[in-house]
Amino acid sequence: MPSIQIDLPLDASVAARQELARRVGQIYADRMKVNADLLTVSIHALGDGGVWRCHEDEEPTPSALIMCDIRSGRTRETRAALAQSLIDACVDQFQLDSLWIKVEFTQHTRDEMYHPHLGGFNKDWAGDERS
């Protein structure tokens, strides 16, 4: 952790998914003030009909879902800026309708994120961590 999972309602090549992962890593590092090596990105290109937004009195709409598991401590404004930047990247790369891209955050304490390459559990977020 942190991790971002993106469910897309389309097919995407490995190169397209790798490019989106690169962009997401840059966005995350910039917005969350960390080094990108903390982030894991998974992109699920589920194909046409793979992700839907339900409506009360209408048929479901093709949609996308971005799940962000992050350390607690970021402001609402920081999380909103991250969410909008991630939506913008998906719209730009895959021409998705931004109205139907949902971003959800789950916030975790430092001891819920174990990074072997960093020697163990993460630390509490305390501001700009970029080296």
C-alpha atoms as a PDB file:
ATOM      1  CA  MET A   1       0.000   0.000   0.000  1.00  0.00           C
ATOM      2  CA  PRO A   2      -0.727   2.509  -1.214  1.00  0.00           C
ATOM      3  CA  SER A   3      -2.461   0.844  -4.088  1.00  0.00           C
ATOM      4  CA  ILE A   4      -4.760   1.953  -6.847  1.00  0.00           C
ATOM      5  CA  GLN A   5      -7.041  -0.450  -8.682  1.00  0.00           C
ATOM      6  CA  ILE A   6      -8.705   0.711 -11.863  1.00  0.00           C
ATOM      7  CA  ASP A   7     -11.609  -1.197 -13.398  1.00  0.00           C
ATOM      8  CA  LEU A   8     -12.186  -0.181 -17.016  1.00  0.00           C
ATOM      9  CA  PRO A   9     -15.205  -0.978 -19.222  1.00  0.00           C
ATOM     10  CA  LEU A  10     -13.019  -1.726 -22.243  1.00  0.00           C
ATOM     11  CA  ASP A  11     -10.163  -3.802 -23.587  1.00  0.00           C
ATOM     12  CA  ALA A  12      -6.675  -2.327 -23.342  1.00  0.00           C
ATOM     13  CA  SER A  13      -3.298  -3.504 -24.550  1.00  0.00           C
ATOM     14  CA  VAL A  14      -0.428  -4.168 -22.176  1.00  0.00           C
ATOM     15  CA  ALA A  15       1.277  -1.024 -23.503  1.00  0.00           C
ATOM     16  CA  ALA A  16      -1.830   1.099 -22.823  1.00  0.00           C
ATOM     17  CA  ARG A  17      -2.155  -0.293 -19.304  1.00  0.00           C
ATOM     18  CA  GLN A  18       1.547   0.274 -18.636  1.00  0.00           C
ATOM     19  CA  GLU A  19       1.233   3.870 -19.837  1.00  0.00           C
ATOM     20  CA  LEU A  20      -1.752   4.446 -17.567  1.00  0.00           C
ATOM     21  CA  ALA A  21       0.172   2.922 -14.641  1.00  0.00           C
ATOM     22  CA  ARG A  22       3.098   5.274 -15.375  1.00  0.00           C
ATOM     23  CA  ARG A  23       0.767   8.275 -15.444  1.00  0.00           C
ATOM     24  CA  VAL A  24      -1.027   7.185 -12.275  1.00  0.00           C
ATOM     25  CA  GLY A  25       2.336   6.770 -10.519  1.00  0.00           C
ATOM     26  CA  GLN A  26       3.391  10.285 -11.492  1.00  0.00           C
ATOM     27  CA  ILE A  27       0.046  11.755 -10.471  1.00  0.00           C
ATOM     28  CA  TYR A  28       0.067   9.933  -7.139  1.00  0.00           C
ATOM     29  CA  ALA A  29       3.649  10.900  -6.297  1.00  0.00           C
ATOM     30  CA  ASP A  30       2.968  14.544  -7.154  1.00  0.00           C
ATOM     31  CA  ARG A  31      -0.398  14.913  -5.419  1.00  0.00           C
ATOM     32  CA  MET A  32       0.413  12.832  -2.342  1.00  0.00           C
ATOM     33  CA  LYS A  33       4.014  14.090  -1.927  1.00  0.00           C
ATOM     34  CA  VAL A  34       5.688  10.664  -1.892  1.00  0.00           C
ATOM     35  CA  ASN A  35       8.087   8.702  -4.055  1.00  0.00           C
ATOM     36  CA  ALA A  36       6.341   6.595  -6.695  1.00  0.00           C
ATOM     37  CA  ASP A  37       8.042   3.387  -5.503  1.00  0.00           C
ATOM     38  CA  LEU A  38       5.453   3.082  -2.718  1.00  0.00           C
ATOM     39  CA  LEU A  39       2.579   2.709  -5.176  1.00  0.00           C
ATOM     40  CA  THR A  40       1.183  -0.458  -6.728  1.00  0.00           C
ATOM     41  CA  VAL A  41      -1.255  -0.005  -9.623  1.00  0.00           C
ATOM     42  CA  SER A  42      -3.517  -2.727 -10.959  1.00  0.00           C
ATOM     43  CA  ILE A  43      -5.523  -2.129 -14.098  1.00  0.00           C
ATOM     44  CA  HIS A  44      -8.417  -4.420 -14.894  1.00  0.00           C
ATOM     45  CA  ALA A  45      -9.499  -3.965 -18.514  1.00  0.00           C
ATOM     46  CA  LEU A  46     -12.773  -5.857 -18.157  1.00  0.00           C
ATOM     47  CA  GLY A  47     -14.020  -5.322 -21.692  1.00  0.00           C
ATOM     48  CA  ASP A  48     -17.262  -3.936 -23.033  1.00  0.00           C
ATOM     49  CA  GLY A  49     -19.935  -4.403 -20.387  1.00  0.00           C
ATOM     50  CA  GLY A  50     -17.452  -5.084 -17.595  1.00  0.00           C
ATOM     51  CA  VAL A  51     -18.308  -2.142 -15.288  1.00  0.00           C
ATOM     52  CA  TRP A  52     -21.709  -0.533 -14.790  1.00  0.00           C
ATOM     53  CA  ARG A  53     -23.220   2.366 -12.811  1.00  0.00           C
ATOM     54  CA  CYS A  54     -26.748   1.603 -11.638  1.00  0.00           C
ATOM     55  CA  HIS A  55     -29.608   4.111 -11.783  1.00  0.00           C
ATOM     56  CA  GLU A  56     -32.966   4.266 -10.092  1.00  0.00           C
ATOM     57  CA  ASP A  57     -35.260   4.386 -13.138  1.00  0.00           C
ATOM     58  CA  GLU A  58     -32.901   3.838 -16.076  1.00  0.00           C
ATOM     59  CA  GLU A  59     -30.737   1.100 -17.478  1.00  0.00           C
ATOM     60  CA  PRO A  60     -27.196   0.854 -16.046  1.00  0.00           C
ATOM     61  CA  THR A  61     -24.538   3.027 -17.701  1.00  0.00           C
ATOM     62  CA  PRO A  62     -21.044   1.821 -18.703  1.00  0.00           C
ATOM     63  CA  SER A  63     -18.729   3.131 -16.014  1.00  0.00           C
ATOM     64  CA  ALA A  64     -15.246   2.906 -14.516  1.00  0.00           C
ATOM     65  CA  LEU A  65     -14.142   2.485 -10.910  1.00  0.00           C
ATOM     66  CA  ILE A  66     -10.925   3.625  -9.246  1.00  0.00           C
ATOM     67  CA  MET A  67     -10.187   2.252  -5.771  1.00  0.00           C
ATOM     68  CA  CYS A  68      -7.467   4.034  -3.782  1.00  0.00           C
ATOM     69  CA  ASP A  69      -6.040   2.411  -0.661  1.00  0.00           C
ATOM     70  CA  ILE A  70      -3.930   5.083   1.001  1.00  0.00           C
ATOM     71  CA  ARG A  71      -2.397   6.019   4.340  1.00  0.00           C
ATOM     72  CA  SER A  72      -4.621   8.198   6.458  1.00  0.00           C
ATOM     73  CA  GLY A  73      -3.683  11.802   7.045  1.00  0.00           C
ATOM     74  CA  ARG A  74      -4.353  13.535   3.710  1.00  0.00           C
ATOM     75  CA  THR A  75      -6.839  16.358   3.620  1.00  0.00           C
ATOM     76  CA  ARG A  76     -10.145  16.125   1.809  1.00  0.00           C
ATOM     77  CA  GLU A  77      -8.822  18.680  -0.704  1.00  0.00           C
ATOM     78  CA  THR A  78      -5.707  16.590  -1.402  1.00  0.00           C
ATOM     79  CA  ARG A  79      -7.814  13.483  -1.971  1.00  0.00           C
ATOM     80  CA  ALA A  80     -10.217  15.410  -4.225  1.00  0.00           C
ATOM     81  CA  ALA A  81      -7.307  16.718  -6.324  1.00  0.00           C
ATOM     82  CA  LEU A  82      -5.921  13.181  -6.629  1.00  0.00           C
ATOM     83  CA  ALA A  83      -9.335  11.802  -7.603  1.00  0.00           C
ATOM     84  CA  GLN A  84      -9.888  14.430 -10.300  1.00  0.00           C
ATOM     85  CA  SER A  85      -6.375  13.938 -11.704  1.00  0.00           C
ATOM     86  CA  LEU A  86      -6.919  10.172 -11.921  1.00  0.00           C
ATOM     87  CA  ILE A  87     -10.271  10.698 -13.641  1.00  0.00           C
ATOM     88  CA  ASP A  88      -8.656  13.123 -16.080  1.00  0.00           C
ATOM     89  CA  ALA A  89      -5.934  10.588 -16.946  1.00  0.00           C
ATOM     90  CA  CYS A  90      -8.533   7.895 -17.716  1.00  0.00           C
ATOM     91  CA  VAL A  91     -10.607  10.303 -19.799  1.00  0.00           C
ATOM     92  CA  ASP A  92      -7.536  11.476 -21.697  1.00  0.00           C
ATOM     93  CA  GLN A  93      -6.164   8.027 -22.416  1.00  0.00           C
ATOM     94  CA  PHE A  94      -9.373   6.071 -23.017  1.00  0.00           C
ATOM     95  CA  GLN A  95     -11.966   8.753 -23.892  1.00  0.00           C
ATOM     96  CA  LEU A  96     -14.226   7.680 -21.027  1.00  0.00           C
ATOM     97  CA  ASP A  97     -17.123   9.843 -19.855  1.00  0.00           C
ATOM     98  CA  SER A  98     -15.862  11.537 -16.675  1.00  0.00           C
ATOM     99  CA  LEU A  99     -19.390  11.658 -15.267  1.00  0.00           C
ATOM    100  CA  TRP A 100     -19.348   7.870 -14.863  1.00  0.00           C
ATOM    101  CA  ILE A 101     -15.900   7.375 -13.312  1.00  0.00           C
ATOM    102  CA  LYS A 102     -16.150   6.814  -9.567  1.00  0.00           C
ATOM    103  CA  VAL A 103     -13.210   7.126  -7.171  1.00  0.00           C
ATOM    104  CA  GLU A 104     -13.324   5.534  -3.718  1.00  0.00           C
ATOM    105  CA  PHE A 105     -10.789   5.941  -0.935  1.00  0.00           C
ATOM    106  CA  THR A 106      -9.990   3.565   1.885  1.00  0.00           C
ATOM    107  CA  GLN A 107      -7.600   5.054   4.419  1.00  0.00           C
ATOM    108  CA  HIS A 108      -5.259   2.898   6.466  1.00  0.00           C
ATOM    109  CA  THR A 109      -2.887   3.335   9.371  1.00  0.00           C
ATOM    110  CA  ARG A 110       0.830   2.895   8.747  1.00  0.00           C
ATOM    111  CA  ASP A 111       0.926  -0.585  10.245  1.00  0.00           C
ATOM    112  CA  GLU A 112      -1.532  -1.854   7.630  1.00  0.00           C
ATOM    113  CA  MET A 113       1.020  -1.369   4.832  1.00  0.00           C
ATOM    114  CA  TYR A 114       4.013  -3.667   4.660  1.00  0.00           C
ATOM    115  CA  HIS A 115       6.776  -2.883   2.155  1.00  0.00           C
ATOM    116  CA  PRO A 116       9.549  -5.504   1.995  1.00  0.00           C
ATOM    117  CA  HIS A 117      11.701  -3.203  -0.145  1.00  0.00           C
ATOM    118  CA  LEU A 118      11.488  -0.554   2.597  1.00  0.00           C
ATOM    119  CA  GLY A 119      12.203  -2.969   5.425  1.00  0.00           C
ATOM    120  CA  GLY A 120       8.714  -3.452   6.830  1.00  0.00           C
ATOM    121  CA  PHE A 121       5.733  -1.418   7.858  1.00  0.00           C
ATOM    122  CA  ASN A 122       5.198   2.079   6.557  1.00  0.00           C
ATOM    123  CA  LYS A 123       5.446   5.181   8.752  1.00  0.00           C
ATOM    124  CA  ASP A 124       2.736   7.701   9.577  1.00  0.00           C
ATOM    125  CA  TRP A 125       2.291  10.277   6.860  1.00  0.00           C
ATOM    126  CA  ALA A 126       3.770  13.585   8.015  1.00  0.00           C
ATOM    127  CA  GLY A 127       4.043  15.782   4.947  1.00  0.00           C
ATOM    128  CA  ASP A 128       6.263  15.816   1.879  1.00  0.00           C
ATOM    129  CA  GLU A 129       8.169  12.517   1.782  1.00  0.00           C
ATOM    130  CA  ARG A 130       9.851  12.847  -1.596  1.00  0.00           C
ATOM    131  CA  SER A 131      13.583  12.316  -1.470  1.00  0.00           C
END
